[in-house]
Amino acid sequence: MIIFSNIRKLYDGTSATSSAIHERVDLWIDQGRVHAVKPHDPQGPTGSDVRRVDCSSFTVTPGLIDCHSHVTVVGVRTEDLETMNSQAGLLYTERILYTTLVNGGVTTVRDVGGATSFVKRMVDEGVIIGPRLKIAICMLSTTGGHADFRGPDRCHSTVSRLWPPGPGQPSSIVDGPWDCRKRVREIAACGGDLIKICTSPGVVSPGDKLEHRDFTEAEIDAICDEAAGRGMIVAAHAHSQSGIRLAIDCGVQDIQHISFMDQDLAERAYVKGCTVTPTSWISRSLSSAEGLSAAVMDKVQQVSAVHAEAVRIAHASGLKMLTGTDPILPNMHGRNFMEIVSLMQDGLSSLSAWYAGTGLAAERIGQDDAGCLVPGKRADLLLCNQDVIEDPTVFDQGALVEVLKDGVGYRGTLPDVPQRTFGSTVCETLAPPK
């Protein structure tokens, strides 16, 4: 049993209201789960099986949940894509996963394109240190759509440079309702947890324009029907109004980016029970990115001009909002908390932004055993030496002291917290017989 004693301030992740804030409490952890949250008792239990950690100066939150990540992406320039698809790609993925957990405080990631079941399994088995994963494997689009990174000078037979087909990863490029159904079946067979599609073109893809259409209604209907038959939700990359409307009307559950969402679309999404994952931070970050073409930068400027207003409209309409970083630039991995900062800049209260990245996120991505510091949930938590709830920018000033995933620490800063050292599980598994 570990008791985090006399916590100065604790946010439990259960809501965006003040009822989720507790002061001067003890957090009891047993066998990787939250056992209790109680008013501080200085005469609490003692014994050889009890460890107490003085948290009188700490703020404690649930571990973050990133609902839009790409843990295999090191960048979107040509040389980045070549690295990602080379033998070195898995090594970069390992480092991205490590820094996302240890520096970014993210204990659960929904990867919406890139990570395979093999990567997820390596994390689950302790071979790689990182957040637990929910995976889409592919990001489906049509020929010439957002997932088709071939450029205007491509040969017809050349596969996309973005996640080309390989072991455990079907092609992301698909055309026609029946091929769409087959691709969903392939993703499910490869261990996918959800389906990610593009109902509009994208910002950094080289050959499309934001106002154009990607899939047709018949194709999206086929994808959503096939996914529902396998218990999988569908999330849609959607910038344009036509793409957002198509996703909502065809039954997509999570609308991502939402750059041109207006009041009518927000109301449609609310009626259908959709969530939105705005990816606000990347919309701001792309304007200062290096190495992007003039055509891409034109699309960046279009999105930057409207995105904050779309977030405001979605939030004011009562839509459930999730945090997602879309970390396609090299300096984003490990700073995932910046999505909370960016949503607050867009007008969300601090608790609304935190709820979007903890309890609400866990519920909406199907990780119901995480996201909240209440009895029975996984002991995923962050210990911070400053009030990151009111001001998450202090993460960038060294506020994060320790990250626990399933009750085990990963930063090695507190001697009374059980630690997971890199490679320990693997070494124990591979140890030669005595």
Protein backbone atom coordinates (compact mmCIF):
# COMPACT_ATOMS: atom_id res chain seq x y z
CA MET A 1 0.00 0.00 0.00
CA ILE A 2 1.24 3.50 -0.88
CA ILE A 3 -0.32 6.53 0.78
CA PHE A 4 0.25 9.89 -0.86
CA SER A 5 -0.22 11.89 2.28
CA ASN A 6 -1.61 15.37 2.87
CA ILE A 7 -1.90 16.32 -0.80
CA ARG A 8 -2.12 20.08 -1.08
CA LYS A 9 -4.53 19.96 -4.03
CA LEU A 10 -5.98 17.03 -5.94
CA TYR A 11 -8.09 17.06 -9.10
CA ASP A 12 -9.87 13.70 -9.41
CA GLY A 13 -10.90 13.91 -13.10
CA THR A 14 -14.60 13.17 -12.52
CA SER A 15 -16.01 16.47 -13.82
CA ALA A 16 -15.29 20.03 -14.86
CA THR A 17 -16.76 21.41 -11.62
CA SER A 18 -15.28 22.37 -8.28
CA SER A 19 -16.61 19.11 -6.77
CA ALA A 20 -13.66 17.38 -8.46
CA ILE A 21 -11.14 19.45 -6.46
CA HIS A 22 -9.95 18.21 -3.05
CA GLU A 23 -7.50 19.77 -0.61
CA ARG A 24 -5.42 18.17 2.14
CA VAL A 25 -6.36 14.59 1.32
CA ASP A 26 -4.65 11.21 1.39
CA LEU A 27 -4.62 9.11 -1.77
CA TRP A 28 -4.31 5.37 -1.10
CA ILE A 29 -2.90 3.13 -3.85
CA ASP A 30 -2.96 -0.66 -3.64
CA GLN A 31 -1.79 -3.13 -6.30
CA GLY A 32 -1.81 -0.53 -9.05
CA ARG A 33 -5.32 0.74 -8.33
CA VAL A 34 -6.80 3.64 -6.40
CA HIS A 35 -7.98 2.28 -3.08
CA ALA A 36 -9.35 5.46 -1.46
CA VAL A 37 -9.24 9.25 -1.33
CA LYS A 38 -9.73 10.40 2.26
CA PRO A 39 -9.32 13.56 4.34
CA HIS A 40 -5.75 13.73 5.59
CA ASP A 41 -5.11 11.64 8.69
CA PRO A 42 -1.68 12.24 10.26
CA GLN A 43 -2.23 9.11 12.37
CA GLY A 44 -2.88 6.90 9.35
CA PRO A 45 -1.83 3.26 9.10
CA THR A 46 1.79 2.26 9.44
CA GLY A 47 3.69 -0.97 8.98
CA SER A 48 6.20 -2.71 6.76
CA ASP A 49 3.65 -3.01 3.96
CA VAL A 50 2.77 0.71 3.97
CA ARG A 51 4.76 3.42 2.25
CA ARG A 52 3.91 7.06 2.92
CA VAL A 53 4.87 9.89 0.56
CA ASP A 54 4.68 13.43 1.89
CA CYS A 55 2.66 15.42 -0.67
CA SER A 56 2.02 18.53 1.41
CA SER A 57 3.51 20.73 -1.31
CA PHE A 58 2.19 18.77 -4.30
CA THR A 59 -0.69 19.13 -6.74
CA VAL A 60 -1.92 15.74 -7.97
CA THR A 61 -3.92 15.02 -11.13
CA PRO A 62 -4.85 11.95 -13.14
CA GLY A 63 -2.41 10.98 -15.88
CA LEU A 64 -3.20 12.75 -19.12
CA ILE A 65 -5.04 11.07 -21.99
CA ASP A 66 -4.15 12.17 -25.52
CA CYS A 67 -7.03 11.37 -27.86
CA HIS A 68 -5.27 12.28 -31.11
CA SER A 69 -1.68 11.17 -31.38
CA HIS A 70 0.71 9.74 -33.97
CA VAL A 71 3.48 8.05 -32.00
CA THR A 72 5.33 6.91 -35.11
CA VAL A 73 5.59 10.40 -36.64
CA VAL A 74 8.85 12.35 -36.31
CA GLY A 75 7.80 15.12 -38.72
CA VAL A 76 6.12 15.69 -42.06
CA ARG A 77 9.03 16.76 -44.26
CA THR A 78 10.27 14.34 -46.92
CA GLU A 79 13.32 13.39 -44.85
CA ASP A 80 11.08 12.81 -41.80
CA LEU A 81 8.87 10.42 -43.74
CA GLU A 82 11.93 8.56 -45.00
CA THR A 83 13.20 8.15 -41.43
CA MET A 84 9.80 7.01 -40.23
CA ASN A 85 9.62 4.29 -42.89
CA SER A 86 13.21 3.12 -42.47
CA GLN A 87 14.61 0.48 -40.12
CA ALA A 88 15.19 3.30 -37.61
CA GLY A 89 11.47 4.03 -37.44
CA LEU A 90 10.79 1.70 -34.51
CA LEU A 91 13.67 3.21 -32.52
CA TYR A 92 12.21 6.68 -32.96
CA THR A 93 8.79 5.35 -31.97
CA GLU A 94 10.28 3.89 -28.79
CA ARG A 95 11.77 7.25 -27.84
CA ILE A 96 8.53 9.07 -28.67
CA LEU A 97 6.55 6.72 -26.44
CA TYR A 98 9.06 7.11 -23.63
CA THR A 99 9.06 10.90 -23.69
CA THR A 100 5.26 11.04 -24.07
CA LEU A 101 4.88 9.15 -20.80
CA VAL A 102 7.85 10.35 -18.79
CA ASN A 103 8.03 13.99 -19.89
CA GLY A 104 4.52 14.58 -21.17
CA GLY A 105 2.67 12.89 -18.32
CA VAL A 106 0.46 10.97 -20.76
CA THR A 107 -0.55 7.55 -19.45
CA THR A 108 -3.03 6.63 -22.22
CA VAL A 109 -2.81 7.49 -25.92
CA ARG A 110 -5.31 7.04 -28.71
CA ASP A 111 -3.09 6.76 -31.77
CA VAL A 112 -5.15 7.60 -34.86
CA GLY A 113 -2.70 6.47 -37.50
CA GLY A 114 0.70 4.80 -37.50
CA ALA A 115 1.00 2.55 -34.45
CA THR A 116 0.39 -1.14 -35.07
CA SER A 117 -0.71 -3.95 -32.80
CA PHE A 118 2.96 -4.95 -32.53
CA VAL A 119 3.85 -1.57 -30.99
CA LYS A 120 0.87 -1.77 -28.64
CA ARG A 121 1.89 -5.28 -27.60
CA MET A 122 5.48 -4.23 -26.93
CA VAL A 123 4.21 -1.57 -24.51
CA ASP A 124 1.80 -3.97 -22.81
CA GLU A 125 4.59 -6.55 -22.37
CA GLY A 126 7.02 -3.99 -20.95
CA VAL A 127 9.52 -4.20 -23.80
CA ILE A 128 8.91 -0.50 -24.56
CA ILE A 129 8.15 2.13 -21.93
CA GLY A 130 5.19 4.28 -22.88
CA PRO A 131 1.51 5.02 -22.39
CA ARG A 132 -1.02 2.26 -22.94
CA LEU A 133 -2.38 2.49 -26.48
CA LYS A 134 -5.68 2.52 -28.31
CA ILE A 135 -4.88 2.19 -32.00
CA ALA A 136 -6.51 2.94 -35.36
CA ILE A 137 -3.48 1.56 -37.29
CA CYS A 138 -4.47 3.41 -40.49
CA MET A 139 -5.83 6.85 -41.35
CA LEU A 140 -8.20 6.06 -44.19
CA SER A 141 -8.65 8.40 -47.14
CA THR A 142 -9.34 8.15 -50.85
CA THR A 143 -6.77 8.29 -53.61
CA GLY A 144 -5.42 11.84 -53.64
CA GLY A 145 -6.84 12.48 -50.16
CA HIS A 146 -5.21 13.43 -46.87
CA ALA A 147 -3.47 10.06 -46.33
CA ASP A 148 -2.07 10.02 -49.88
CA PHE A 149 1.36 11.63 -49.43
CA ARG A 150 2.61 11.09 -52.97
CA GLY A 151 2.70 14.65 -54.30
CA PRO A 152 1.73 15.91 -57.75
CA ASP A 153 4.74 14.33 -59.51
CA ARG A 154 4.05 10.80 -58.32
CA CYS A 155 3.93 7.71 -60.50
CA HIS A 156 0.54 5.99 -60.39
CA SER A 157 2.01 2.81 -58.95
CA THR A 158 3.98 4.53 -56.17
CA VAL A 159 2.52 3.94 -52.73
CA SER A 160 2.00 6.78 -50.28
CA ARG A 161 5.03 7.75 -48.23
CA LEU A 162 2.78 8.11 -45.17
CA TRP A 163 2.45 4.69 -43.47
CA PRO A 164 2.84 2.50 -46.56
CA PRO A 165 1.37 -1.01 -46.29
CA GLY A 166 3.42 -3.43 -44.23
CA PRO A 167 3.13 -6.17 -41.60
CA GLY A 168 0.09 -5.47 -39.45
CA GLN A 169 -0.75 -2.32 -41.42
CA PRO A 170 -3.01 -2.30 -44.48
CA SER A 171 -2.92 0.60 -46.93
CA SER A 172 -4.57 3.82 -45.76
CA ILE A 173 -5.78 4.58 -49.30
CA VAL A 174 -9.13 3.05 -50.20
CA ASP A 175 -11.84 3.76 -52.79
CA GLY A 176 -15.41 2.53 -53.14
CA PRO A 177 -17.91 1.22 -50.54
CA TRP A 178 -16.98 -2.47 -50.78
CA ASP A 179 -13.25 -1.84 -50.56
CA CYS A 180 -13.98 0.41 -47.57
CA ARG A 181 -15.79 -2.46 -45.88
CA LYS A 182 -12.89 -4.79 -46.57
CA ARG A 183 -10.39 -2.31 -45.17
CA VAL A 184 -12.35 -1.97 -41.92
CA ARG A 185 -12.34 -5.75 -41.65
CA GLU A 186 -8.59 -5.83 -42.23
CA ILE A 187 -7.96 -3.18 -39.56
CA ALA A 188 -10.09 -5.13 -37.09
CA ALA A 189 -8.20 -8.32 -37.96
CA CYS A 190 -4.89 -6.49 -37.39
CA GLY A 191 -5.93 -5.53 -33.85
CA GLY A 192 -7.35 -2.04 -34.36
CA ASP A 193 -9.44 -0.50 -31.59
CA LEU A 194 -11.15 2.15 -33.73
CA ILE A 195 -11.40 3.38 -37.32
CA LYS A 196 -9.94 6.74 -38.38
CA ILE A 197 -11.13 8.30 -41.64
CA CYS A 198 -10.67 11.59 -43.47
CA THR A 199 -13.94 13.23 -44.51
CA SER A 200 -12.08 16.31 -45.70
CA PRO A 201 -8.61 17.05 -47.03
CA GLY A 202 -5.84 18.05 -44.64
CA VAL A 203 -3.42 20.85 -43.91
CA VAL A 204 -0.03 19.17 -44.35
CA SER A 205 -0.94 16.73 -47.14
CA PRO A 206 0.70 17.94 -50.36
CA GLY A 207 -1.88 17.34 -53.08
CA ASP A 208 -5.33 18.33 -51.77
CA LYS A 209 -7.24 21.51 -50.97
CA LEU A 210 -9.17 22.15 -47.76
CA GLU A 211 -12.47 22.91 -49.46
CA HIS A 212 -12.52 19.68 -51.49
CA ARG A 213 -14.30 16.46 -50.57
CA ASP A 214 -12.58 13.22 -49.62
CA PHE A 215 -14.95 10.23 -49.15
CA THR A 216 -18.49 10.04 -50.50
CA GLU A 217 -21.53 9.43 -48.34
CA ALA A 218 -21.82 5.85 -49.60
CA GLU A 219 -18.21 5.13 -48.61
CA ILE A 220 -18.56 6.61 -45.11
CA ASP A 221 -21.87 4.81 -44.55
CA ALA A 222 -20.11 1.55 -45.43
CA ILE A 223 -17.22 2.27 -43.04
CA CYS A 224 -19.49 3.26 -40.14
CA ASP A 225 -21.76 0.24 -40.65
CA GLU A 226 -18.85 -2.18 -40.83
CA ALA A 227 -17.16 -0.62 -37.78
CA ALA A 228 -20.37 -0.77 -35.74
CA GLY A 229 -20.69 -4.46 -36.55
CA ARG A 230 -17.30 -4.97 -34.93
CA GLY A 231 -17.89 -2.79 -31.88
CA MET A 232 -15.54 -0.07 -33.13
CA ILE A 233 -16.17 3.67 -33.15
CA VAL A 234 -15.24 5.89 -36.10
CA ALA A 235 -13.29 9.14 -35.69
CA ALA A 236 -13.04 11.59 -38.57
CA HIS A 237 -10.38 14.08 -39.57
CA ALA A 238 -12.63 16.96 -40.69
CA HIS A 239 -11.62 20.58 -41.35
CA SER A 240 -14.13 21.79 -43.94
CA GLN A 241 -17.83 22.38 -43.34
CA SER A 242 -18.76 19.78 -45.97
CA GLY A 243 -16.46 17.23 -44.34
CA ILE A 244 -17.79 17.93 -40.85
CA ARG A 245 -21.39 17.70 -42.04
CA LEU A 246 -20.73 14.45 -43.90
CA ALA A 247 -19.14 12.89 -40.83
CA ILE A 248 -21.99 13.92 -38.53
CA ASP A 249 -24.75 12.81 -40.89
CA CYS A 250 -23.14 9.42 -41.57
CA GLY A 251 -22.78 8.49 -37.90
CA VAL A 252 -19.14 9.28 -37.08
CA GLN A 253 -18.78 9.53 -33.30
CA ASP A 254 -15.73 11.80 -32.91
CA ILE A 255 -15.08 14.84 -35.13
CA GLN A 256 -11.44 15.93 -35.13
CA HIS A 257 -9.93 19.35 -35.94
CA ILE A 258 -13.36 21.06 -36.60
CA SER A 259 -11.64 24.13 -38.11
CA PHE A 260 -14.65 25.48 -39.98
CA MET A 261 -17.40 24.31 -37.58
CA ASP A 262 -20.23 26.84 -37.30
CA GLN A 263 -23.29 27.04 -35.07
CA ASP A 264 -25.46 24.86 -37.32
CA LEU A 265 -22.84 22.12 -37.47
CA ALA A 266 -22.26 22.28 -33.72
CA GLU A 267 -25.98 21.83 -33.11
CA ARG A 268 -26.10 18.89 -35.54
CA ALA A 269 -23.19 17.26 -33.74
CA TYR A 270 -24.80 17.83 -30.34
CA VAL A 271 -28.05 16.17 -31.45
CA LYS A 272 -26.11 13.14 -32.74
CA GLY A 273 -24.09 12.87 -29.50
CA CYS A 274 -20.73 13.44 -31.19
CA THR A 275 -17.58 14.40 -29.36
CA VAL A 276 -15.05 16.82 -30.84
CA THR A 277 -11.26 16.68 -30.60
CA PRO A 278 -10.15 20.13 -31.83
CA THR A 279 -6.33 19.65 -31.82
CA SER A 280 -5.95 23.33 -31.00
CA TRP A 281 -2.21 23.32 -30.25
CA ILE A 282 -1.13 21.99 -33.65
CA SER A 283 -3.33 24.59 -35.35
CA ARG A 284 -1.24 27.25 -33.63
CA SER A 285 2.11 25.48 -33.97
CA LEU A 286 2.06 24.91 -37.73
CA SER A 287 2.30 28.64 -38.45
CA SER A 288 5.91 28.63 -37.19
CA ALA A 289 6.91 25.21 -38.59
CA GLU A 290 9.91 25.03 -40.89
CA GLY A 291 10.28 23.24 -44.21
CA LEU A 292 6.64 23.34 -45.30
CA SER A 293 5.70 24.21 -48.87
CA ALA A 294 3.95 27.42 -49.88
CA ALA A 295 0.77 25.46 -50.67
CA VAL A 296 0.76 23.88 -47.21
CA MET A 297 1.45 27.22 -45.51
CA ASP A 298 -1.53 28.71 -47.34
CA LYS A 299 -3.73 26.02 -45.79
CA VAL A 300 -2.13 26.64 -42.39
CA GLN A 301 -3.13 30.30 -42.59
CA GLN A 302 -6.69 29.40 -43.57
CA VAL A 303 -7.09 27.15 -40.55
CA SER A 304 -5.33 29.52 -38.14
CA ALA A 305 -7.78 32.30 -39.00
CA VAL A 306 -10.88 30.35 -37.94
CA HIS A 307 -9.92 27.56 -35.56
CA ALA A 308 -10.23 29.34 -32.20
CA GLU A 309 -13.73 30.55 -33.09
CA ALA A 310 -14.75 27.01 -34.04
CA VAL A 311 -13.58 25.75 -30.63
CA ARG A 312 -15.54 28.52 -28.91
CA ILE A 313 -18.70 27.64 -30.82
CA ALA A 314 -18.33 23.91 -30.12
CA HIS A 315 -17.78 24.48 -26.41
CA ALA A 316 -20.63 26.98 -26.08
CA SER A 317 -22.94 24.50 -27.81
CA GLY A 318 -22.31 21.93 -25.09
CA LEU A 319 -20.35 19.48 -27.20
CA LYS A 320 -18.18 17.05 -25.25
CA MET A 321 -14.60 18.07 -26.04
CA LEU A 322 -11.47 15.91 -25.82
CA THR A 323 -7.80 16.83 -25.83
CA GLY A 324 -5.65 15.66 -28.72
CA THR A 325 -2.26 17.00 -29.72
CA ASP A 326 -1.85 15.65 -33.29
CA PRO A 327 1.94 15.80 -32.65
CA ILE A 328 3.28 15.81 -36.21
CA LEU A 329 6.09 18.27 -35.47
CA PRO A 330 9.29 17.09 -33.75
CA ASN A 331 9.07 19.41 -30.72
CA MET A 332 5.56 18.33 -29.73
CA HIS A 333 6.11 14.83 -28.33
CA GLY A 334 6.56 15.03 -24.55
CA ARG A 335 4.79 18.40 -24.29
CA ASN A 336 1.27 17.01 -24.73
CA PHE A 337 0.02 19.18 -21.86
CA MET A 338 0.18 22.12 -24.27
CA GLU A 339 -3.20 21.08 -25.66
CA ILE A 340 -4.73 21.95 -22.28
CA VAL A 341 -2.95 25.30 -22.43
CA SER A 342 -4.21 25.92 -25.96
CA LEU A 343 -7.82 25.03 -25.16
CA MET A 344 -7.73 27.47 -22.25
CA GLN A 345 -6.45 30.12 -24.66
CA ASP A 346 -9.48 29.31 -26.80
CA GLY A 347 -11.79 30.11 -23.89
CA LEU A 348 -12.27 26.87 -21.93
CA SER A 349 -12.01 27.05 -18.16
CA SER A 350 -9.07 25.24 -16.61
CA LEU A 351 -11.29 22.46 -15.25
CA SER A 352 -13.08 22.03 -18.60
CA ALA A 353 -9.74 21.61 -20.33
CA TRP A 354 -8.47 19.20 -17.68
CA TYR A 355 -11.67 17.14 -17.81
CA ALA A 356 -11.25 16.93 -21.60
CA GLY A 357 -7.85 15.29 -21.05
CA THR A 358 -8.68 12.99 -18.14
CA GLY A 359 -12.04 11.54 -17.04
CA LEU A 360 -14.11 12.53 -20.07
CA ALA A 361 -11.38 11.37 -22.45
CA ALA A 362 -11.14 7.96 -20.76
CA GLU A 363 -14.88 7.47 -20.97
CA ARG A 364 -15.15 8.44 -24.63
CA ILE A 365 -12.24 6.36 -25.94
CA GLY A 366 -13.28 3.21 -24.11
CA GLN A 367 -10.62 3.25 -21.39
CA ASP A 368 -13.17 3.25 -18.58
CA ASP A 369 -10.74 1.97 -15.95
CA ALA A 370 -8.54 5.10 -16.14
CA GLY A 371 -8.80 8.88 -16.16
CA CYS A 372 -10.12 9.41 -12.63
CA LEU A 373 -8.62 9.16 -9.16
CA VAL A 374 -11.49 7.28 -7.55
CA PRO A 375 -11.57 3.83 -5.94
CA GLY A 376 -11.13 0.96 -8.39
CA LYS A 377 -9.54 2.96 -11.21
CA ARG A 378 -5.99 2.50 -12.43
CA ALA A 379 -3.46 4.45 -10.38
CA ASP A 380 -2.37 6.76 -13.19
CA LEU A 381 -1.35 10.09 -11.68
CA LEU A 382 0.94 13.09 -11.91
CA LEU A 383 2.66 14.66 -8.91
CA CYS A 384 3.55 18.31 -9.50
CA ASN A 385 5.32 20.91 -7.39
CA GLN A 386 3.19 23.77 -8.76
CA ASP A 387 -0.53 24.27 -9.40
CA VAL A 388 -0.77 22.85 -12.90
CA ILE A 389 -4.56 22.82 -12.67
CA GLU A 390 -4.85 26.59 -12.66
CA ASP A 391 -1.78 27.16 -14.83
CA PRO A 392 -0.66 24.19 -16.94
CA THR A 393 2.08 26.30 -18.57
CA VAL A 394 4.22 25.55 -15.51
CA PHE A 395 4.73 22.03 -16.87
CA ASP A 396 7.26 23.73 -19.13
CA GLN A 397 8.99 25.12 -16.04
CA GLY A 398 9.74 21.77 -14.39
CA ALA A 399 6.50 21.37 -12.44
CA LEU A 400 6.20 17.64 -13.17
CA VAL A 401 7.87 15.68 -10.37
CA GLU A 402 6.65 12.11 -10.92
CA VAL A 403 4.47 10.13 -13.33
CA LEU A 404 2.76 6.96 -12.15
CA LYS A 405 1.15 4.46 -14.49
CA ASP A 406 -0.63 1.57 -12.78
CA GLY A 407 0.90 2.67 -9.48
CA VAL A 408 4.50 2.54 -10.71
CA GLY A 409 6.73 5.61 -11.07
CA TYR A 410 8.78 6.39 -14.16
CA ARG A 411 10.90 9.43 -13.25
CA GLY A 412 12.74 8.11 -10.18
CA THR A 413 12.36 11.29 -8.15
CA LEU A 414 10.59 9.97 -5.03
CA PRO A 415 12.37 7.18 -3.15
CA ASP A 416 9.21 5.74 -1.58
CA VAL A 417 7.43 5.26 -4.93
CA PRO A 418 7.98 1.89 -6.66
CA GLN A 419 9.90 2.48 -9.88
CA ARG A 420 9.87 0.88 -13.32
CA THR A 421 13.37 0.86 -14.78
CA PHE A 422 13.87 0.52 -18.49
CA GLY A 423 14.27 -3.05 -19.61
CA SER A 424 13.65 -4.65 -16.22
CA THR A 425 10.78 -6.82 -17.36
CA VAL A 426 12.60 -7.86 -20.51
CA CYS A 427 15.79 -8.71 -18.62
CA GLU A 428 13.86 -10.83 -16.15
CA THR A 429 12.14 -12.64 -19.04
CA LEU A 430 15.38 -13.28 -20.93
CA ALA A 431 17.56 -14.12 -17.93
CA PRO A 432 19.43 -17.42 -18.44
CA PRO A 433 18.48 -20.31 -16.18
CA LYS A 434 20.55 -20.68 -13.02
